[in-house]
Amino acid sequence: MAIAKRAQQLSVTMPNKIGLLAEVTIFIAAAKINIEAICAYEMEDEGCFMLITNNTAKTKKILLNMGAEVETDDVIMVEMPNKPGQIHRVAKKISDAGIDVHYVYGSPARGKMTIIFKTADDKKAVRLLNK
């Protein structure tokens, strides 16, 4: 059974360089902030991050002080069993309701996994998934 809740995600861009991930994460860790979900990649000389932490406001302040461009987005965190077909079941419920998925990322772990969805209607998707 999937459990969905709304969350705040920080979308971050800054000039890419070797060690950027280490630099960003050490500042966050030094502030005793836990990273709950992360997606990071390079695009055209920019380091791009999507982060969910246990303290969005403090994380945003740290990243802005590092010179990053930071936006806050509403997303859905969906916790589900880590078994074959679970992501399909969630994606099917969302698509059957006519809701577009803009992107998804996550990292399955043993037992349970948390997957992040950005949809065209997060509020409706959360309500639908928690039925």
N, C-alpha and C. Protein backbone atom coordinates (compact mmCIF):
# COMPACT_ATOMS: atom_id res chain seq x y z
N MET A 1 0.84 -1.18 0.00
CA MET A 1 0.00 0.00 0.00
C MET A 1 0.88 1.24 0.00
N ALA A 2 0.61 2.14 -0.90
CA ALA A 2 1.37 3.39 -1.01
C ALA A 2 0.81 4.43 -0.05
N ILE A 3 1.69 5.21 0.55
CA ILE A 3 1.31 6.33 1.40
C ILE A 3 1.92 7.57 0.78
N ALA A 4 1.06 8.52 0.41
CA ALA A 4 1.53 9.73 -0.27
C ALA A 4 1.37 10.94 0.62
N LYS A 5 2.32 11.87 0.52
CA LYS A 5 2.19 13.14 1.23
C LYS A 5 2.88 14.21 0.40
N ARG A 6 2.44 15.43 0.59
CA ARG A 6 3.03 16.55 -0.12
C ARG A 6 4.33 16.95 0.59
N ALA A 7 5.26 17.47 -0.20
CA ALA A 7 6.56 17.89 0.35
C ALA A 7 7.05 19.11 -0.42
N GLN A 8 8.03 19.78 0.15
CA GLN A 8 8.67 20.91 -0.51
C GLN A 8 10.04 20.45 -1.00
N GLN A 9 10.31 20.71 -2.26
CA GLN A 9 11.57 20.36 -2.89
C GLN A 9 12.31 21.62 -3.28
N LEU A 10 13.60 21.63 -3.09
CA LEU A 10 14.44 22.73 -3.54
C LEU A 10 15.05 22.34 -4.87
N SER A 11 14.82 23.15 -5.90
CA SER A 11 15.46 22.96 -7.20
C SER A 11 16.59 23.97 -7.28
N VAL A 12 17.80 23.48 -7.46
CA VAL A 12 19.01 24.29 -7.29
C VAL A 12 19.87 24.21 -8.54
N THR A 13 20.40 25.35 -8.98
CA THR A 13 21.41 25.35 -10.04
C THR A 13 22.55 26.26 -9.62
N MET A 14 23.74 25.84 -10.00
CA MET A 14 24.94 26.64 -9.77
C MET A 14 26.02 26.17 -10.73
N PRO A 15 27.04 26.99 -10.97
CA PRO A 15 28.09 26.56 -11.89
C PRO A 15 28.70 25.23 -11.44
N ASN A 16 28.83 24.30 -12.37
CA ASN A 16 29.36 22.99 -12.04
C ASN A 16 30.88 23.04 -11.93
N LYS A 17 31.39 22.23 -11.03
CA LYS A 17 32.83 22.05 -10.87
C LYS A 17 33.06 20.73 -10.17
N ILE A 18 34.25 20.22 -10.28
CA ILE A 18 34.60 18.99 -9.57
C ILE A 18 34.47 19.26 -8.08
N GLY A 19 33.77 18.39 -7.39
CA GLY A 19 33.60 18.51 -5.94
C GLY A 19 32.36 19.27 -5.52
N LEU A 20 31.52 19.70 -6.48
CA LEU A 20 30.34 20.48 -6.12
C LEU A 20 29.40 19.70 -5.21
N LEU A 21 29.15 18.45 -5.52
CA LEU A 21 28.27 17.64 -4.68
C LEU A 21 28.83 17.55 -3.26
N ALA A 22 30.11 17.32 -3.13
CA ALA A 22 30.74 17.24 -1.81
C ALA A 22 30.61 18.57 -1.07
N GLU A 23 30.79 19.66 -1.79
CA GLU A 23 30.71 20.99 -1.17
C GLU A 23 29.28 21.28 -0.68
N VAL A 24 28.31 21.03 -1.53
CA VAL A 24 26.91 21.28 -1.15
C VAL A 24 26.53 20.42 0.05
N THR A 25 26.86 19.15 0.01
CA THR A 25 26.43 18.24 1.07
C THR A 25 27.16 18.48 2.39
N ILE A 26 28.41 18.96 2.37
CA ILE A 26 29.10 19.23 3.64
C ILE A 26 28.48 20.42 4.35
N PHE A 27 28.07 21.45 3.60
CA PHE A 27 27.42 22.60 4.23
C PHE A 27 26.08 22.21 4.83
N ILE A 28 25.34 21.36 4.13
CA ILE A 28 24.05 20.91 4.64
C ILE A 28 24.25 20.03 5.87
N ALA A 29 25.19 19.12 5.82
CA ALA A 29 25.47 18.24 6.96
C ALA A 29 25.97 19.03 8.17
N ALA A 30 26.83 20.04 7.93
CA ALA A 30 27.36 20.85 9.04
C ALA A 30 26.25 21.58 9.78
N ALA A 31 25.15 21.87 9.08
CA ALA A 31 24.01 22.54 9.70
C ALA A 31 23.06 21.52 10.35
N LYS A 32 23.48 20.25 10.39
CA LYS A 32 22.70 19.16 10.98
C LYS A 32 21.34 18.99 10.30
N ILE A 33 21.35 19.16 8.98
CA ILE A 33 20.15 18.98 8.17
C ILE A 33 20.25 17.62 7.46
N ASN A 34 19.17 16.86 7.49
CA ASN A 34 19.14 15.56 6.84
C ASN A 34 18.57 15.68 5.43
N ILE A 35 19.28 15.12 4.47
CA ILE A 35 18.77 15.06 3.10
C ILE A 35 17.90 13.81 3.00
N GLU A 36 16.61 14.01 2.68
CA GLU A 36 15.67 12.91 2.62
C GLU A 36 15.51 12.35 1.21
N ALA A 37 15.80 13.19 0.20
CA ALA A 37 15.78 12.74 -1.20
C ALA A 37 16.67 13.68 -1.99
N ILE A 38 17.37 13.14 -2.99
CA ILE A 38 18.25 13.96 -3.82
C ILE A 38 18.31 13.39 -5.24
N CYS A 39 18.34 14.30 -6.16
CA CYS A 39 18.62 14.00 -7.56
C CYS A 39 19.61 15.08 -7.98
N ALA A 40 20.73 14.69 -8.55
CA ALA A 40 21.75 15.66 -8.96
C ALA A 40 22.31 15.25 -10.31
N TYR A 41 22.55 16.26 -11.15
CA TYR A 41 23.07 15.99 -12.49
C TYR A 41 23.71 17.26 -13.04
N GLU A 42 24.47 17.10 -14.11
CA GLU A 42 25.10 18.22 -14.81
C GLU A 42 24.33 18.48 -16.10
N MET A 43 24.12 19.77 -16.39
CA MET A 43 23.49 20.14 -17.65
C MET A 43 24.11 21.45 -18.12
N GLU A 44 24.84 21.37 -19.25
CA GLU A 44 25.45 22.55 -19.85
C GLU A 44 26.26 23.39 -18.84
N ASP A 45 27.21 22.79 -18.20
CA ASP A 45 28.12 23.44 -17.25
C ASP A 45 27.44 23.91 -15.97
N GLU A 46 26.21 23.47 -15.73
CA GLU A 46 25.50 23.80 -14.49
C GLU A 46 25.35 22.52 -13.67
N GLY A 47 25.53 22.65 -12.36
CA GLY A 47 25.20 21.58 -11.44
C GLY A 47 23.76 21.77 -11.04
N CYS A 48 22.94 20.76 -11.22
CA CYS A 48 21.51 20.86 -10.93
C CYS A 48 21.16 19.84 -9.84
N PHE A 49 20.41 20.29 -8.86
CA PHE A 49 20.02 19.44 -7.74
C PHE A 49 18.52 19.58 -7.50
N MET A 50 17.89 18.51 -7.12
CA MET A 50 16.55 18.53 -6.57
C MET A 50 16.70 17.88 -5.20
N LEU A 51 16.38 18.62 -4.15
CA LEU A 51 16.61 18.18 -2.78
C LEU A 51 15.35 18.28 -1.94
N ILE A 52 15.13 17.30 -1.11
CA ILE A 52 14.14 17.39 -0.05
C ILE A 52 14.90 17.14 1.24
N THR A 53 14.77 18.07 2.17
CA THR A 53 15.47 17.95 3.45
C THR A 53 14.47 18.08 4.60
N ASN A 54 14.95 17.87 5.81
CA ASN A 54 14.07 18.02 6.97
C ASN A 54 14.00 19.48 7.44
N ASN A 55 14.65 20.40 6.72
CA ASN A 55 14.55 21.83 7.04
C ASN A 55 14.74 22.63 5.75
N THR A 56 13.64 22.81 5.03
CA THR A 56 13.68 23.47 3.72
C THR A 56 14.21 24.89 3.82
N ALA A 57 13.70 25.67 4.75
CA ALA A 57 14.08 27.09 4.87
C ALA A 57 15.57 27.25 5.15
N LYS A 58 16.09 26.48 6.07
CA LYS A 58 17.52 26.57 6.43
C LYS A 58 18.40 26.10 5.27
N THR A 59 17.98 25.04 4.59
CA THR A 59 18.73 24.54 3.44
C THR A 59 18.76 25.59 2.34
N LYS A 60 17.62 26.21 2.08
CA LYS A 60 17.55 27.24 1.04
C LYS A 60 18.49 28.39 1.36
N LYS A 61 18.53 28.81 2.61
CA LYS A 61 19.43 29.91 3.02
C LYS A 61 20.90 29.53 2.79
N ILE A 62 21.25 28.31 3.14
CA ILE A 62 22.63 27.84 2.94
C ILE A 62 22.98 27.88 1.45
N LEU A 63 22.10 27.36 0.62
CA LEU A 63 22.37 27.29 -0.82
C LEU A 63 22.44 28.69 -1.44
N LEU A 64 21.57 29.59 -1.02
CA LEU A 64 21.62 30.97 -1.52
C LEU A 64 22.95 31.63 -1.13
N ASN A 65 23.41 31.38 0.09
CA ASN A 65 24.70 31.92 0.54
C ASN A 65 25.87 31.35 -0.25
N MET A 66 25.67 30.18 -0.85
CA MET A 66 26.71 29.57 -1.70
C MET A 66 26.66 30.14 -3.12
N GLY A 67 25.68 30.99 -3.39
CA GLY A 67 25.56 31.59 -4.72
C GLY A 67 24.66 30.82 -5.67
N ALA A 68 23.91 29.88 -5.15
CA ALA A 68 23.03 29.06 -5.99
C ALA A 68 21.74 29.81 -6.33
N GLU A 69 21.16 29.44 -7.46
CA GLU A 69 19.79 29.85 -7.77
C GLU A 69 18.91 28.76 -7.20
N VAL A 70 17.92 29.15 -6.39
CA VAL A 70 17.10 28.17 -5.68
C VAL A 70 15.61 28.49 -5.87
N GLU A 71 14.86 27.47 -6.25
CA GLU A 71 13.40 27.57 -6.33
C GLU A 71 12.80 26.51 -5.42
N THR A 72 11.65 26.81 -4.87
CA THR A 72 10.93 25.85 -4.04
C THR A 72 9.74 25.34 -4.83
N ASP A 73 9.58 24.02 -4.89
CA ASP A 73 8.50 23.38 -5.63
C ASP A 73 7.73 22.44 -4.72
N ASP A 74 6.43 22.33 -4.95
CA ASP A 74 5.64 21.32 -4.28
C ASP A 74 5.76 20.02 -5.06
N VAL A 75 5.96 18.92 -4.35
CA VAL A 75 6.05 17.59 -4.95
C VAL A 75 5.31 16.61 -4.05
N ILE A 76 5.29 15.37 -4.45
CA ILE A 76 4.68 14.30 -3.66
C ILE A 76 5.75 13.28 -3.30
N MET A 77 5.81 12.91 -2.03
CA MET A 77 6.65 11.80 -1.58
C MET A 77 5.73 10.60 -1.41
N VAL A 78 6.03 9.51 -2.09
CA VAL A 78 5.19 8.32 -2.01
C VAL A 78 6.03 7.17 -1.44
N GLU A 79 5.63 6.69 -0.28
CA GLU A 79 6.30 5.55 0.34
C GLU A 79 5.51 4.30 -0.03
N MET A 80 6.23 3.29 -0.47
CA MET A 80 5.57 2.06 -0.91
C MET A 80 6.50 0.88 -0.68
N PRO A 81 5.94 -0.33 -0.67
CA PRO A 81 6.80 -1.50 -0.55
C PRO A 81 7.75 -1.58 -1.76
N ASN A 82 8.93 -2.08 -1.55
CA ASN A 82 9.88 -2.26 -2.64
C ASN A 82 9.67 -3.65 -3.24
N LYS A 83 8.63 -3.74 -4.09
CA LYS A 83 8.28 -5.00 -4.74
C LYS A 83 7.97 -4.71 -6.20
N PRO A 84 8.13 -5.69 -7.07
CA PRO A 84 7.83 -5.49 -8.48
C PRO A 84 6.39 -4.98 -8.68
N GLY A 85 6.26 -3.99 -9.55
CA GLY A 85 4.95 -3.48 -9.90
C GLY A 85 4.42 -2.33 -9.06
N GLN A 86 5.10 -1.98 -7.97
CA GLN A 86 4.58 -0.94 -7.08
C GLN A 86 4.58 0.44 -7.74
N ILE A 87 5.66 0.80 -8.41
CA ILE A 87 5.69 2.10 -9.08
C ILE A 87 4.63 2.13 -10.19
N HIS A 88 4.47 1.02 -10.89
CA HIS A 88 3.43 0.94 -11.93
C HIS A 88 2.05 1.22 -11.34
N ARG A 89 1.73 0.62 -10.19
CA ARG A 89 0.41 0.82 -9.58
C ARG A 89 0.16 2.29 -9.27
N VAL A 90 1.17 2.96 -8.73
CA VAL A 90 1.05 4.39 -8.42
C VAL A 90 0.91 5.20 -9.71
N ALA A 91 1.77 4.92 -10.68
CA ALA A 91 1.72 5.66 -11.94
C ALA A 91 0.39 5.45 -12.66
N LYS A 92 -0.15 4.25 -12.60
CA LYS A 92 -1.43 3.96 -13.24
C LYS A 92 -2.57 4.71 -12.59
N LYS A 93 -2.59 4.75 -11.25
CA LYS A 93 -3.62 5.52 -10.55
C LYS A 93 -3.58 6.99 -10.96
N ILE A 94 -2.38 7.53 -11.03
CA ILE A 94 -2.22 8.94 -11.39
C ILE A 94 -2.69 9.17 -12.83
N SER A 95 -2.24 8.31 -13.75
CA SER A 95 -2.61 8.50 -15.16
C SER A 95 -4.10 8.24 -15.39
N ASP A 96 -4.68 7.26 -14.70
CA ASP A 96 -6.11 6.98 -14.85
C ASP A 96 -6.97 8.17 -14.40
N ALA A 97 -6.43 8.98 -13.49
CA ALA A 97 -7.14 10.18 -13.01
C ALA A 97 -6.90 11.37 -13.93
N GLY A 98 -6.13 11.18 -15.01
CA GLY A 98 -5.88 12.25 -15.96
C GLY A 98 -4.86 13.26 -15.49
N ILE A 99 -3.99 12.85 -14.57
CA ILE A 99 -2.96 13.75 -14.04
C ILE A 99 -1.64 13.45 -14.73
N ASP A 100 -1.00 14.50 -15.25
CA ASP A 100 0.28 14.36 -15.94
C ASP A 100 1.42 14.31 -14.92
N VAL A 101 2.35 13.37 -15.09
CA VAL A 101 3.55 13.31 -14.26
C VAL A 101 4.65 14.08 -14.99
N HIS A 102 5.19 15.11 -14.36
CA HIS A 102 6.24 15.92 -14.97
C HIS A 102 7.61 15.25 -14.84
N TYR A 103 7.88 14.67 -13.68
CA TYR A 103 9.11 13.89 -13.49
C TYR A 103 8.96 13.04 -12.24
N VAL A 104 9.86 12.08 -12.11
CA VAL A 104 9.87 11.17 -10.97
C VAL A 104 11.32 10.77 -10.70
N TYR A 105 11.67 10.64 -9.44
CA TYR A 105 12.98 10.10 -9.08
C TYR A 105 12.88 9.43 -7.72
N GLY A 106 13.80 8.56 -7.44
CA GLY A 106 13.80 7.88 -6.16
C GLY A 106 14.91 6.87 -6.10
N SER A 107 15.02 6.25 -4.96
CA SER A 107 16.05 5.26 -4.76
C SER A 107 15.48 4.12 -3.95
N PRO A 108 15.07 3.06 -4.62
CA PRO A 108 14.54 1.93 -3.88
C PRO A 108 15.57 1.37 -2.90
N ALA A 109 15.08 1.03 -1.74
CA ALA A 109 15.92 0.40 -0.71
C ALA A 109 15.23 -0.90 -0.30
N ARG A 110 15.88 -1.68 0.50
CA ARG A 110 15.25 -2.92 0.95
C ARG A 110 14.04 -2.59 1.81
N GLY A 111 13.00 -3.36 1.67
CA GLY A 111 11.79 -3.16 2.47
C GLY A 111 10.86 -2.15 1.85
N LYS A 112 11.10 -0.87 2.12
CA LYS A 112 10.25 0.19 1.58
C LYS A 112 11.10 1.12 0.74
N MET A 113 10.42 1.89 -0.10
CA MET A 113 11.11 2.90 -0.89
C MET A 113 10.26 4.16 -0.92
N THR A 114 10.92 5.28 -1.11
CA THR A 114 10.22 6.55 -1.26
C THR A 114 10.56 7.09 -2.64
N ILE A 115 9.53 7.40 -3.40
CA ILE A 115 9.67 7.91 -4.75
C ILE A 115 9.06 9.30 -4.78
N ILE A 116 9.72 10.24 -5.45
CA ILE A 116 9.26 11.61 -5.56
C ILE A 116 8.59 11.81 -6.91
N PHE A 117 7.38 12.34 -6.90
CA PHE A 117 6.63 12.65 -8.12
C PHE A 117 6.33 14.13 -8.16
N LYS A 118 6.48 14.74 -9.32
CA LYS A 118 5.97 16.08 -9.57
C LYS A 118 4.89 15.92 -10.62
N THR A 119 3.66 16.32 -10.27
CA THR A 119 2.53 16.13 -11.18
C THR A 119 1.87 17.47 -11.48
N ALA A 120 0.94 17.44 -12.39
CA ALA A 120 0.17 18.63 -12.75
C ALA A 120 -0.84 18.99 -11.66
N ASP A 121 -1.17 18.04 -10.77
CA ASP A 121 -2.12 18.29 -9.69
C ASP A 121 -1.72 17.45 -8.48
N ASP A 122 -0.74 17.93 -7.73
CA ASP A 122 -0.21 17.18 -6.59
C ASP A 122 -1.27 16.91 -5.53
N LYS A 123 -2.11 17.89 -5.25
CA LYS A 123 -3.14 17.73 -4.21
C LYS A 123 -4.09 16.59 -4.56
N LYS A 124 -4.55 16.56 -5.80
CA LYS A 124 -5.46 15.50 -6.23
C LYS A 124 -4.76 14.15 -6.23
N ALA A 125 -3.51 14.12 -6.66
CA ALA A 125 -2.76 12.85 -6.70
C ALA A 125 -2.56 12.29 -5.31
N VAL A 126 -2.24 13.14 -4.33
CA VAL A 126 -2.07 12.67 -2.95
C VAL A 126 -3.39 12.07 -2.44
N ARG A 127 -4.48 12.80 -2.65
CA ARG A 127 -5.79 12.33 -2.21
C ARG A 127 -6.11 10.97 -2.85
N LEU A 128 -5.86 10.85 -4.13
CA LEU A 128 -6.14 9.62 -4.88
C LEU A 128 -5.29 8.46 -4.37
N LEU A 129 -4.02 8.70 -4.15
CA LEU A 129 -3.11 7.61 -3.75
C LEU A 129 -3.35 7.15 -2.31
N ASN A 130 -3.93 8.00 -1.48
CA ASN A 130 -4.17 7.62 -0.08
C ASN A 130 -5.54 7.01 0.14
N LYS A 131 -6.30 6.76 -0.94
CA LYS A 131 -7.63 6.09 -0.81
C LYS A 131 -7.45 4.65 -0.43
